[in-house]
Each structure stands twice: as C-alpha cells, then as structure tokens.
Amino acid sequence: MQETGNKKTMHTLSLVDEAFDINSTSEYYLSIRISTNGFSFVVGDPVQKKTLVLFHQDLFINNSEIFLDKLKAVYSEMEMIRLPYKKTGIFYSIPEKTFLIPNEFHTEEKANEIYSFQSEKSFNEKIILSESPFFDNFIVFSIPESIFIFLKYKYPDTEIINDLVLTGIPQNKEESTFHVFISRQSIEILLIEKGHIKFYNTFPYRNNNDILYSVIGSVRAMDKHPDIVYTDGYINKESDIFKLLSSYFKKVYISDDTKDKFTHLYTGTNDARFNRLYNSFSCE
C-alpha cells in the first residue's frame, strides 16, 4: 500500500476572496488553529455566511521555542492576522496530549491529576481544561507555556480551546457517529452516542496499513461495526486511505457539513484538513 498523501507537504497556503474588505474586519470572525501540522486561520463573514480568508503555514517543529519564533514571524509579516475582528476563536490541537474526563472531575486540580496520570508533564507545559458545548465531556490538554503566554498577550479575552470540540458536531443528538481524523503523524478516532464521546483514542502511524489497523482495532474494542464513518484531515475521496476505508465500511464520508455555509474557499484545497476550522463558525 502507498503512503498517505500527508507526506507531500505544502509550505504556505493563502487564499483571499475578492469580497474581503480590510476596512470591515470589525464585522468578521477570526478562527485560529495551532497544531502539530502548523498554524492556520480563517476569516469569515457572518452576514454573507462565507469564508473570506484561508491561511496555512507548515510548522512541523517539535521544539516549542523554535515553533514560537516561527509563529512570531507569521504575526510580524502578516498584517491580516493583526487586524481587529468582531470575534476571535483559538483552537489548539495536540492529540497525543489530549484526554477526556468525566464531568464530575472538571476542576482544575482534578484535571492536572488526571493529566499527570495519563502523560508526563514537563516543567514548561500549561494544562488547560476545555468544556465542549456539544458533548457531555470535558477535555484536558497541554500547551507549551511560552506559546500560551504569547497567545494570551495577543488575545487576552479569548479562551484557548482544544479543537476536539469542533469534531463531529451532531445535528441529531440521538444518532451515533464514528469519526476518523487524520493528521500528519497521528489519527484520532471517536465514537459519539447521544451527545457523549463514548470512545476517544489517538494512534501514531507511518502508512495506510497502520491507519487501517488502528481503525479496525478500535471498532473491535468498541464492539461496534458502524455503518457510517466520517473522516477529515489529510484525506480526500481520491486518496488510497479513503478507498481502503470504503472497502471495509458501507458508507465513508468526508465531514464537510458546513461546506454550503462558510466554505467558499473550500475548492482551493485538495483535502479536508481545514474542516475543523470551518466548523468553528458553526460554534459561534
């Protein structure tokens, strides 16, 4: 089997709709996503219900201080990210350092305790507790302290939220949905039932065999065989992994439920890695 398409990385993607008005940004929404894949943001017009700007910069850097230097350079070079906006959302993604906790343990003290049990906490990490407006679970995750300080300096009134809250927003809380998100080096797998995340796990991968093994293994662990699988991330309908998943499950969809609402620039990309950012406008 061939490697997934995520090994062919782009350096920078910048798409700007002709309707973007630099003098009207106070009426627009800004959504920022920082992940192991890099730095992205979208600008949306809530009146026209369309995406006006999509920007992405690859930052495949494990060292948080070097990552921060690159992030500062983006802010220094791009006037658009520094403009005033009506509303700003910040979404952070690091799957291997993200965990779900029951509502009963949503205090900061308990969150730190559970995180320390699940993962080794370094001295320069900030532990954040994130509440989902859609699911009856809390999310605990970590972010490098230096990046946290930088973002809070730029956006003192904006909460930093784990982008897991943007995944699989259910239209009907009674239905069960199975989700696979493929990032550059790992995949996230979720089972959502009646507003509850019943299963969540992350797996590293090297190729399509690893992805398929993790998905099938998770299905067996959940003792369920879903008829429908929603996917997003580094995947499209022509990719080998999409075809492989389609051979094992009756229906495999790309999660683009917001496509008709805000994703005017959607056709400028060849995969679904920005769907979570598009979903952020549905959260407003």
C-alpha atoms as a PDB file:
ATOM      1  CA  MET A   1       0.000   0.000   0.000  1.00  0.00           C
ATOM      2  CA  GLN A   2       1.148   3.504  -0.740  1.00  0.00           C
ATOM      3  CA  GLU A   3       1.934   6.144   1.837  1.00  0.00           C
ATOM      4  CA  THR A   4      -0.873   8.563   2.624  1.00  0.00           C
ATOM      5  CA  GLY A   5      -0.796  11.947   0.983  1.00  0.00           C
ATOM      6  CA  ASN A   6       0.272  13.730   4.138  1.00  0.00           C
ATOM      7  CA  LYS A   7       3.953  13.227   3.351  1.00  0.00           C
ATOM      8  CA  LYS A   8       3.644  15.689   0.462  1.00  0.00           C
ATOM      9  CA  THR A   9       3.525  18.865   2.452  1.00  0.00           C
ATOM     10  CA  MET A  10       2.958  22.384   1.252  1.00  0.00           C
ATOM     11  CA  HIS A  11       4.823  25.273   2.810  1.00  0.00           C
ATOM     12  CA  THR A  12       2.228  28.049   2.716  1.00  0.00           C
ATOM     13  CA  LEU A  13      -1.365  28.318   1.528  1.00  0.00           C
ATOM     14  CA  SER A  14      -3.022  31.724   1.297  1.00  0.00           C
ATOM     15  CA  LEU A  15      -6.476  32.188  -0.264  1.00  0.00           C
ATOM     16  CA  VAL A  16      -8.306  35.518  -0.116  1.00  0.00           C
ATOM     17  CA  ASP A  17     -11.783  36.090  -1.506  1.00  0.00           C
ATOM     18  CA  GLU A  18     -12.276  39.254  -3.548  1.00  0.00           C
ATOM     19  CA  ALA A  19     -15.076  40.267  -1.151  1.00  0.00           C
ATOM     20  CA  PHE A  20     -12.621  40.642   1.763  1.00  0.00           C
ATOM     21  CA  ASP A  21     -12.634  44.281   2.900  1.00  0.00           C
ATOM     22  CA  ILE A  22      -9.691  45.315   5.047  1.00  0.00           C
ATOM     23  CA  ASN A  23     -11.781  48.176   6.442  1.00  0.00           C
ATOM     24  CA  SER A  24     -14.597  45.873   7.610  1.00  0.00           C
ATOM     25  CA  THR A  25     -12.726  43.326   9.703  1.00  0.00           C
ATOM     26  CA  SER A  26     -14.516  44.517  12.847  1.00  0.00           C
ATOM     27  CA  GLU A  27     -17.554  42.728  11.380  1.00  0.00           C
ATOM     28  CA  TYR A  28     -15.711  39.472  10.634  1.00  0.00           C
ATOM     29  CA  TYR A  29     -14.879  36.378  12.670  1.00  0.00           C
ATOM     30  CA  LEU A  30     -11.305  35.142  13.036  1.00  0.00           C
ATOM     31  CA  SER A  31     -10.602  31.499  13.896  1.00  0.00           C
ATOM     32  CA  ILE A  32      -7.036  30.363  14.604  1.00  0.00           C
ATOM     33  CA  ARG A  33      -5.827  26.761  14.802  1.00  0.00           C
ATOM     34  CA  ILE A  34      -2.405  25.716  16.059  1.00  0.00           C
ATOM     35  CA  SER A  35      -1.448  22.075  15.708  1.00  0.00           C
ATOM     36  CA  THR A  36       1.410  19.704  15.029  1.00  0.00           C
ATOM     37  CA  ASN A  37       0.627  20.373  11.346  1.00  0.00           C
ATOM     38  CA  GLY A  38       1.300  24.094  11.639  1.00  0.00           C
ATOM     39  CA  PHE A  39      -0.511  27.405  12.014  1.00  0.00           C
ATOM     40  CA  SER A  40      -3.809  28.147  10.233  1.00  0.00           C
ATOM     41  CA  PHE A  41      -6.505  30.761  10.359  1.00  0.00           C
ATOM     42  CA  VAL A  42      -9.736  31.570   8.560  1.00  0.00           C
ATOM     43  CA  VAL A  43     -11.710  34.803   8.384  1.00  0.00           C
ATOM     44  CA  GLY A  44     -15.460  34.513   7.984  1.00  0.00           C
ATOM     45  CA  ASP A  45     -18.222  36.975   7.257  1.00  0.00           C
ATOM     46  CA  PRO A  46     -21.222  36.026   9.461  1.00  0.00           C
ATOM     47  CA  VAL A  47     -23.595  38.165   7.391  1.00  0.00           C
ATOM     48  CA  GLN A  48     -22.694  36.720   3.980  1.00  0.00           C
ATOM     49  CA  LYS A  49     -22.026  33.330   5.591  1.00  0.00           C
ATOM     50  CA  LYS A  50     -18.848  32.676   3.671  1.00  0.00           C
ATOM     51  CA  THR A  51     -15.151  32.203   4.268  1.00  0.00           C
ATOM     52  CA  LEU A  52     -13.160  35.182   3.062  1.00  0.00           C
ATOM     53  CA  VAL A  53      -9.620  34.137   4.012  1.00  0.00           C
ATOM     54  CA  LEU A  54      -7.846  30.822   4.466  1.00  0.00           C
ATOM     55  CA  PHE A  55      -4.185  30.820   5.504  1.00  0.00           C
ATOM     56  CA  HIS A  56      -1.932  27.937   6.481  1.00  0.00           C
ATOM     57  CA  GLN A  57       1.786  27.787   7.258  1.00  0.00           C
ATOM     58  CA  ASP A  58       3.546  24.464   7.759  1.00  0.00           C
ATOM     59  CA  LEU A  59       5.397  24.431  11.080  1.00  0.00           C
ATOM     60  CA  PHE A  60       6.479  20.826  11.569  1.00  0.00           C
ATOM     61  CA  ILE A  61       8.668  21.642  14.558  1.00  0.00           C
ATOM     62  CA  ASN A  62       8.840  19.682  17.816  1.00  0.00           C
ATOM     63  CA  ASN A  63      10.812  22.324  19.721  1.00  0.00           C
ATOM     64  CA  SER A  64       8.270  24.745  21.237  1.00  0.00           C
ATOM     65  CA  GLU A  65      10.675  27.700  21.336  1.00  0.00           C
ATOM     66  CA  ILE A  66      11.571  27.388  17.655  1.00  0.00           C
ATOM     67  CA  PHE A  67       7.871  26.950  16.883  1.00  0.00           C
ATOM     68  CA  LEU A  68       7.162  30.163  18.804  1.00  0.00           C
ATOM     69  CA  ASP A  69       9.826  32.054  16.835  1.00  0.00           C
ATOM     70  CA  LYS A  70       8.202  30.919  13.578  1.00  0.00           C
ATOM     71  CA  LEU A  71       4.771  31.885  14.901  1.00  0.00           C
ATOM     72  CA  LYS A  72       6.007  35.350  15.838  1.00  0.00           C
ATOM     73  CA  ALA A  73       7.431  35.726  12.330  1.00  0.00           C
ATOM     74  CA  VAL A  74       3.991  34.999  10.819  1.00  0.00           C
ATOM     75  CA  TYR A  75       2.425  37.690  13.003  1.00  0.00           C
ATOM     76  CA  SER A  76       5.171  40.127  12.115  1.00  0.00           C
ATOM     77  CA  GLU A  77       4.865  39.561   8.371  1.00  0.00           C
ATOM     78  CA  MET A  78       1.073  39.288   8.011  1.00  0.00           C
ATOM     79  CA  GLU A  79      -0.965  42.419   8.610  1.00  0.00           C
ATOM     80  CA  MET A  80      -4.211  40.484   8.176  1.00  0.00           C
ATOM     81  CA  ILE A  81      -3.748  38.459  11.366  1.00  0.00           C
ATOM     82  CA  ARG A  82      -3.126  41.637  13.381  1.00  0.00           C
ATOM     83  CA  LEU A  83      -6.318  43.447  12.326  1.00  0.00           C
ATOM     84  CA  PRO A  84      -9.227  43.896  14.772  1.00  0.00           C
ATOM     85  CA  TYR A  85     -12.053  41.346  14.426  1.00  0.00           C
ATOM     86  CA  LYS A  86     -15.547  41.110  15.830  1.00  0.00           C
ATOM     87  CA  LYS A  87     -14.855  37.750  17.415  1.00  0.00           C
ATOM     88  CA  THR A  88     -11.771  35.558  17.712  1.00  0.00           C
ATOM     89  CA  GLY A  89     -11.534  31.848  18.440  1.00  0.00           C
ATOM     90  CA  ILE A  90      -8.296  29.997  19.232  1.00  0.00           C
ATOM     91  CA  PHE A  91      -8.188  26.227  18.814  1.00  0.00           C
ATOM     92  CA  TYR A  92      -5.204  24.139  19.806  1.00  0.00           C
ATOM     93  CA  SER A  93      -4.567  20.549  18.728  1.00  0.00           C
ATOM     94  CA  ILE A  94      -2.034  18.085  20.063  1.00  0.00           C
ATOM     95  CA  PRO A  95      -3.769  14.661  20.031  1.00  0.00           C
ATOM     96  CA  GLU A  96      -1.135  12.735  21.968  1.00  0.00           C
ATOM     97  CA  LYS A  97      -1.554  15.174  24.873  1.00  0.00           C
ATOM     98  CA  THR A  98      -5.357  15.372  24.843  1.00  0.00           C
ATOM     99  CA  PHE A  99      -7.592  13.377  27.198  1.00  0.00           C
ATOM    100  CA  LEU A 100     -11.283  13.200  28.066  1.00  0.00           C
ATOM    101  CA  ILE A 101     -12.501  13.410  31.631  1.00  0.00           C
ATOM    102  CA  PRO A 102     -15.978  12.898  33.149  1.00  0.00           C
ATOM    103  CA  ASN A 103     -17.952  15.977  34.154  1.00  0.00           C
ATOM    104  CA  GLU A 104     -17.520  15.030  37.810  1.00  0.00           C
ATOM    105  CA  PHE A 105     -13.757  15.674  37.546  1.00  0.00           C
ATOM    106  CA  HIS A 106     -13.817  19.022  35.787  1.00  0.00           C
ATOM    107  CA  THR A 107     -11.973  21.013  38.468  1.00  0.00           C
ATOM    108  CA  GLU A 108      -8.502  22.323  37.665  1.00  0.00           C
ATOM    109  CA  GLU A 109      -6.980  20.225  40.451  1.00  0.00           C
ATOM    110  CA  LYS A 110      -8.572  17.024  39.157  1.00  0.00           C
ATOM    111  CA  ALA A 111      -7.659  17.896  35.565  1.00  0.00           C
ATOM    112  CA  ASN A 112      -3.972  18.244  36.495  1.00  0.00           C
ATOM    113  CA  GLU A 113      -4.131  14.993  38.448  1.00  0.00           C
ATOM    114  CA  ILE A 114      -5.705  13.052  35.570  1.00  0.00           C
ATOM    115  CA  TYR A 115      -3.320  14.558  33.023  1.00  0.00           C
ATOM    116  CA  SER A 116      -0.282  13.624  35.133  1.00  0.00           C
ATOM    117  CA  PHE A 117      -1.606  10.074  35.341  1.00  0.00           C
ATOM    118  CA  GLN A 118      -2.032   9.844  31.556  1.00  0.00           C
ATOM    119  CA  SER A 119       1.075  11.728  30.398  1.00  0.00           C
ATOM    120  CA  GLU A 120       4.313  13.042  31.817  1.00  0.00           C
ATOM    121  CA  LYS A 121       4.028  16.792  32.357  1.00  0.00           C
ATOM    122  CA  SER A 122       7.128  18.839  31.622  1.00  0.00           C
ATOM    123  CA  PHE A 123       8.028  21.985  33.546  1.00  0.00           C
ATOM    124  CA  ASN A 124       7.129  24.302  30.657  1.00  0.00           C
ATOM    125  CA  GLU A 125       3.638  22.943  29.955  1.00  0.00           C
ATOM    126  CA  LYS A 126       0.352  24.637  30.755  1.00  0.00           C
ATOM    127  CA  ILE A 127      -2.589  22.305  31.491  1.00  0.00           C
ATOM    128  CA  ILE A 128      -5.939  23.573  30.181  1.00  0.00           C
ATOM    129  CA  LEU A 129      -9.439  22.300  30.854  1.00  0.00           C
ATOM    130  CA  SER A 130     -11.767  22.744  27.899  1.00  0.00           C
ATOM    131  CA  GLU A 131     -15.551  22.432  28.067  1.00  0.00           C
ATOM    132  CA  SER A 132     -17.433  21.294  24.984  1.00  0.00           C
ATOM    133  CA  PRO A 133     -20.805  22.952  24.297  1.00  0.00           C
ATOM    134  CA  PHE A 134     -21.834  19.869  22.318  1.00  0.00           C
ATOM    135  CA  PHE A 135     -20.658  16.876  24.344  1.00  0.00           C
ATOM    136  CA  ASP A 136     -21.087  15.836  27.958  1.00  0.00           C
ATOM    137  CA  ASN A 137     -17.346  15.545  28.491  1.00  0.00           C
ATOM    138  CA  PHE A 138     -14.524  17.855  29.478  1.00  0.00           C
ATOM    139  CA  ILE A 139     -11.222  17.868  27.618  1.00  0.00           C
ATOM    140  CA  VAL A 140      -7.881  18.267  29.362  1.00  0.00           C
ATOM    141  CA  PHE A 141      -4.832  19.053  27.255  1.00  0.00           C
ATOM    142  CA  SER A 142      -1.445  20.742  27.463  1.00  0.00           C
ATOM    143  CA  ILE A 143       0.139  23.612  25.592  1.00  0.00           C
ATOM    144  CA  PRO A 144       3.728  24.911  25.880  1.00  0.00           C
ATOM    145  CA  GLU A 145       3.776  27.740  28.416  1.00  0.00           C
ATOM    146  CA  SER A 146       5.620  30.102  26.065  1.00  0.00           C
ATOM    147  CA  ILE A 147       3.002  29.680  23.308  1.00  0.00           C
ATOM    148  CA  PHE A 148       0.199  30.100  25.833  1.00  0.00           C
ATOM    149  CA  ILE A 149       1.717  33.375  27.082  1.00  0.00           C
ATOM    150  CA  PHE A 150       2.162  34.657  23.518  1.00  0.00           C
ATOM    151  CA  LEU A 151      -1.452  33.902  22.566  1.00  0.00           C
ATOM    152  CA  LYS A 152      -2.876  35.401  25.768  1.00  0.00           C
ATOM    153  CA  TYR A 153      -0.810  38.543  25.161  1.00  0.00           C
ATOM    154  CA  LYS A 154      -2.279  38.830  21.667  1.00  0.00           C
ATOM    155  CA  TYR A 155      -5.816  37.863  22.701  1.00  0.00           C
ATOM    156  CA  PRO A 156      -6.229  38.463  26.440  1.00  0.00           C
ATOM    157  CA  ASP A 157     -10.009  37.962  26.405  1.00  0.00           C
ATOM    158  CA  THR A 158     -10.057  34.830  24.230  1.00  0.00           C
ATOM    159  CA  GLU A 159     -10.112  31.343  25.689  1.00  0.00           C
ATOM    160  CA  ILE A 160      -7.776  28.753  24.178  1.00  0.00           C
ATOM    161  CA  ILE A 161      -9.903  25.704  23.366  1.00  0.00           C
ATOM    162  CA  ASN A 162      -8.994  22.201  22.288  1.00  0.00           C
ATOM    163  CA  ASP A 163     -10.116  21.687  18.708  1.00  0.00           C
ATOM    164  CA  LEU A 164     -11.661  18.341  19.586  1.00  0.00           C
ATOM    165  CA  VAL A 165     -14.811  20.344  20.334  1.00  0.00           C
ATOM    166  CA  LEU A 166     -15.053  21.069  16.596  1.00  0.00           C
ATOM    167  CA  THR A 167     -15.149  17.419  15.618  1.00  0.00           C
ATOM    168  CA  GLY A 168     -18.371  15.665  14.756  1.00  0.00           C
ATOM    169  CA  ILE A 169     -20.828  18.308  15.872  1.00  0.00           C
ATOM    170  CA  PRO A 170     -24.016  16.225  15.910  1.00  0.00           C
ATOM    171  CA  GLN A 171     -27.051  17.514  14.058  1.00  0.00           C
ATOM    172  CA  ASN A 172     -29.148  14.971  15.950  1.00  0.00           C
ATOM    173  CA  LYS A 173     -28.029  14.094  19.452  1.00  0.00           C
ATOM    174  CA  GLU A 174     -29.853  10.770  19.250  1.00  0.00           C
ATOM    175  CA  GLU A 175     -27.674   9.384  16.478  1.00  0.00           C
ATOM    176  CA  SER A 176     -24.351   7.575  16.872  1.00  0.00           C
ATOM    177  CA  THR A 177     -21.428   8.734  14.743  1.00  0.00           C
ATOM    178  CA  PHE A 178     -17.931   7.340  14.195  1.00  0.00           C
ATOM    179  CA  HIS A 179     -15.130   9.751  13.268  1.00  0.00           C
ATOM    180  CA  VAL A 180     -11.568   9.372  11.996  1.00  0.00           C
ATOM    181  CA  PHE A 181      -9.338  12.457  11.818  1.00  0.00           C
ATOM    182  CA  ILE A 182      -6.020  12.006  10.008  1.00  0.00           C
ATOM    183  CA  SER A 183      -3.265  14.458  10.859  1.00  0.00           C
ATOM    184  CA  ARG A 184       0.322  14.409   9.655  1.00  0.00           C
ATOM    185  CA  GLN A 185       1.682  11.849  12.121  1.00  0.00           C
ATOM    186  CA  SER A 186      -1.309  10.516  14.039  1.00  0.00           C
ATOM    187  CA  ILE A 187      -5.000   9.751  13.786  1.00  0.00           C
ATOM    188  CA  GLU A 188      -7.838  10.464  16.208  1.00  0.00           C
ATOM    189  CA  ILE A 189     -10.781   8.081  16.494  1.00  0.00           C
ATOM    190  CA  LEU A 190     -14.077   8.963  18.185  1.00  0.00           C
ATOM    191  CA  LEU A 191     -17.416   7.311  18.791  1.00  0.00           C
ATOM    192  CA  ILE A 192     -20.194   9.739  19.690  1.00  0.00           C
ATOM    193  CA  GLU A 193     -23.507   8.498  21.096  1.00  0.00           C
ATOM    194  CA  LYS A 194     -26.368  10.746  22.205  1.00  0.00           C
ATOM    195  CA  GLY A 195     -24.121  13.711  22.888  1.00  0.00           C
ATOM    196  CA  HIS A 196     -21.471  11.667  24.695  1.00  0.00           C
ATOM    197  CA  ILE A 197     -17.998  10.863  23.406  1.00  0.00           C
ATOM    198  CA  LYS A 198     -18.048   7.164  24.237  1.00  0.00           C
ATOM    199  CA  PHE A 199     -14.635   6.394  22.791  1.00  0.00           C
ATOM    200  CA  TYR A 200     -11.603   8.548  22.033  1.00  0.00           C
ATOM    201  CA  ASN A 201      -8.068   7.494  21.269  1.00  0.00           C
ATOM    202  CA  THR A 202      -5.079   8.594  19.203  1.00  0.00           C
ATOM    203  CA  PHE A 203      -2.612   6.450  17.290  1.00  0.00           C
ATOM    204  CA  PRO A 204       0.670   7.239  15.515  1.00  0.00           C
ATOM    205  CA  TYR A 205       1.038   5.910  12.004  1.00  0.00           C
ATOM    206  CA  ARG A 206       3.556   5.521   9.185  1.00  0.00           C
ATOM    207  CA  ASN A 207       1.362   4.363   6.304  1.00  0.00           C
ATOM    208  CA  ASN A 208      -2.129   3.286   5.312  1.00  0.00           C
ATOM    209  CA  ASN A 209      -1.694  -0.141   6.885  1.00  0.00           C
ATOM    210  CA  ASP A 210      -1.214   1.490  10.288  1.00  0.00           C
ATOM    211  CA  ILE A 211      -4.312   3.662   9.856  1.00  0.00           C
ATOM    212  CA  LEU A 212      -6.481   0.744   8.804  1.00  0.00           C
ATOM    213  CA  TYR A 213      -5.142  -1.415  11.645  1.00  0.00           C
ATOM    214  CA  SER A 214      -5.953   1.292  14.220  1.00  0.00           C
ATOM    215  CA  VAL A 215      -9.457   1.919  12.860  1.00  0.00           C
ATOM    216  CA  ILE A 216     -10.409  -1.756  12.710  1.00  0.00           C
ATOM    217  CA  GLY A 217      -8.825  -2.397  16.106  1.00  0.00           C
ATOM    218  CA  SER A 218     -10.828   0.461  17.629  1.00  0.00           C
ATOM    219  CA  VAL A 219     -14.060  -0.828  16.103  1.00  0.00           C
ATOM    220  CA  ARG A 220     -13.424  -4.228  17.649  1.00  0.00           C
ATOM    221  CA  ALA A 221     -12.556  -2.683  21.012  1.00  0.00           C
ATOM    222  CA  MET A 222     -15.858  -0.771  20.959  1.00  0.00           C
ATOM    223  CA  ASP A 223     -17.690  -3.932  19.960  1.00  0.00           C
ATOM    224  CA  LYS A 224     -19.460  -1.982  17.233  1.00  0.00           C
ATOM    225  CA  HIS A 225     -19.338  -2.003  13.463  1.00  0.00           C
ATOM    226  CA  PRO A 226     -20.585   1.400  12.325  1.00  0.00           C
ATOM    227  CA  ASP A 227     -22.365   1.664   9.002  1.00  0.00           C
ATOM    228  CA  ILE A 228     -21.155   5.250   8.532  1.00  0.00           C
ATOM    229  CA  VAL A 229     -17.648   6.626   9.077  1.00  0.00           C
ATOM    230  CA  TYR A 230     -16.951  10.370   8.940  1.00  0.00           C
ATOM    231  CA  THR A 231     -13.394  11.409   8.100  1.00  0.00           C
ATOM    232  CA  ASP A 232     -11.431  14.615   7.837  1.00  0.00           C
ATOM    233  CA  GLY A 233      -7.835  15.798   7.876  1.00  0.00           C
ATOM    234  CA  TYR A 234      -5.319  14.627   5.281  1.00  0.00           C
ATOM    235  CA  ILE A 235      -7.849  12.711   3.198  1.00  0.00           C
ATOM    236  CA  ASN A 236      -9.965  13.171   0.090  1.00  0.00           C
ATOM    237  CA  LYS A 237     -12.259  10.942  -1.953  1.00  0.00           C
ATOM    238  CA  GLU A 238      -9.469  10.042  -4.372  1.00  0.00           C
ATOM    239  CA  SER A 239      -6.919   9.067  -1.720  1.00  0.00           C
ATOM    240  CA  ASP A 240      -5.910   5.449  -1.153  1.00  0.00           C
ATOM    241  CA  ILE A 241      -6.931   5.509   2.508  1.00  0.00           C
ATOM    242  CA  PHE A 242     -10.432   6.739   1.644  1.00  0.00           C
ATOM    243  CA  LYS A 243     -10.821   3.863  -0.806  1.00  0.00           C
ATOM    244  CA  LEU A 244      -9.493   1.372   1.747  1.00  0.00           C
ATOM    245  CA  LEU A 245     -11.910   2.551   4.432  1.00  0.00           C
ATOM    246  CA  SER A 246     -14.739   2.396   1.892  1.00  0.00           C
ATOM    247  CA  SER A 247     -13.941  -1.267   1.263  1.00  0.00           C
ATOM    248  CA  TYR A 248     -14.439  -2.073   4.968  1.00  0.00           C
ATOM    249  CA  PHE A 249     -17.412   0.155   5.806  1.00  0.00           C
ATOM    250  CA  LYS A 250     -20.711   0.636   3.987  1.00  0.00           C
ATOM    251  CA  LYS A 251     -20.537   4.427   3.931  1.00  0.00           C
ATOM    252  CA  VAL A 252     -17.482   6.678   4.321  1.00  0.00           C
ATOM    253  CA  TYR A 253     -17.970  10.434   4.163  1.00  0.00           C
ATOM    254  CA  ILE A 254     -15.748  13.490   4.288  1.00  0.00           C
ATOM    255  CA  SER A 255     -17.007  15.621   7.173  1.00  0.00           C
ATOM    256  CA  ASP A 256     -17.922  18.797   5.312  1.00  0.00           C
ATOM    257  CA  ASP A 257     -21.306  19.557   6.850  1.00  0.00           C
ATOM    258  CA  THR A 258     -20.562  23.295   6.857  1.00  0.00           C
ATOM    259  CA  LYS A 259     -19.491  23.368   3.217  1.00  0.00           C
ATOM    260  CA  ASP A 260     -22.564  25.238   1.976  1.00  0.00           C
ATOM    261  CA  LYS A 261     -22.444  27.742   4.830  1.00  0.00           C
ATOM    262  CA  PHE A 262     -18.885  29.033   5.085  1.00  0.00           C
ATOM    263  CA  THR A 263     -16.515  27.102   2.875  1.00  0.00           C
ATOM    264  CA  HIS A 264     -16.493  29.303  -0.215  1.00  0.00           C
ATOM    265  CA  LEU A 265     -12.737  28.736  -0.448  1.00  0.00           C
ATOM    266  CA  TYR A 266     -13.087  25.003   0.098  1.00  0.00           C
ATOM    267  CA  THR A 267     -12.252  24.156  -3.508  1.00  0.00           C
ATOM    268  CA  GLY A 268      -8.863  25.831  -3.070  1.00  0.00           C
ATOM    269  CA  THR A 269      -7.643  22.844  -1.047  1.00  0.00           C
ATOM    270  CA  ASN A 270      -7.283  19.206  -2.032  1.00  0.00           C
ATOM    271  CA  ASP A 271      -8.080  17.605   1.310  1.00  0.00           C
ATOM    272  CA  ALA A 272     -10.168  18.088   4.446  1.00  0.00           C
ATOM    273  CA  ARG A 273      -7.563  19.274   6.926  1.00  0.00           C
ATOM    274  CA  PHE A 274      -9.275  22.654   7.436  1.00  0.00           C
ATOM    275  CA  ASN A 275     -12.770  21.317   8.133  1.00  0.00           C
ATOM    276  CA  ARG A 276     -12.410  21.819  11.854  1.00  0.00           C
ATOM    277  CA  LEU A 277     -11.670  25.491  11.305  1.00  0.00           C
ATOM    278  CA  TYR A 278     -14.714  25.791   9.075  1.00  0.00           C
ATOM    279  CA  ASN A 279     -16.750  24.128  11.826  1.00  0.00           C
ATOM    280  CA  SER A 280     -15.626  26.823  14.232  1.00  0.00           C
ATOM    281  CA  PHE A 281     -18.018  29.272  12.587  1.00  0.00           C
ATOM    282  CA  SER A 282     -20.871  26.884  13.376  1.00  0.00           C
ATOM    283  CA  CYS A 283     -19.884  27.185  17.038  1.00  0.00           C
ATOM    284  CA  GLU A 284     -20.429  30.919  17.147  1.00  0.00           C
END
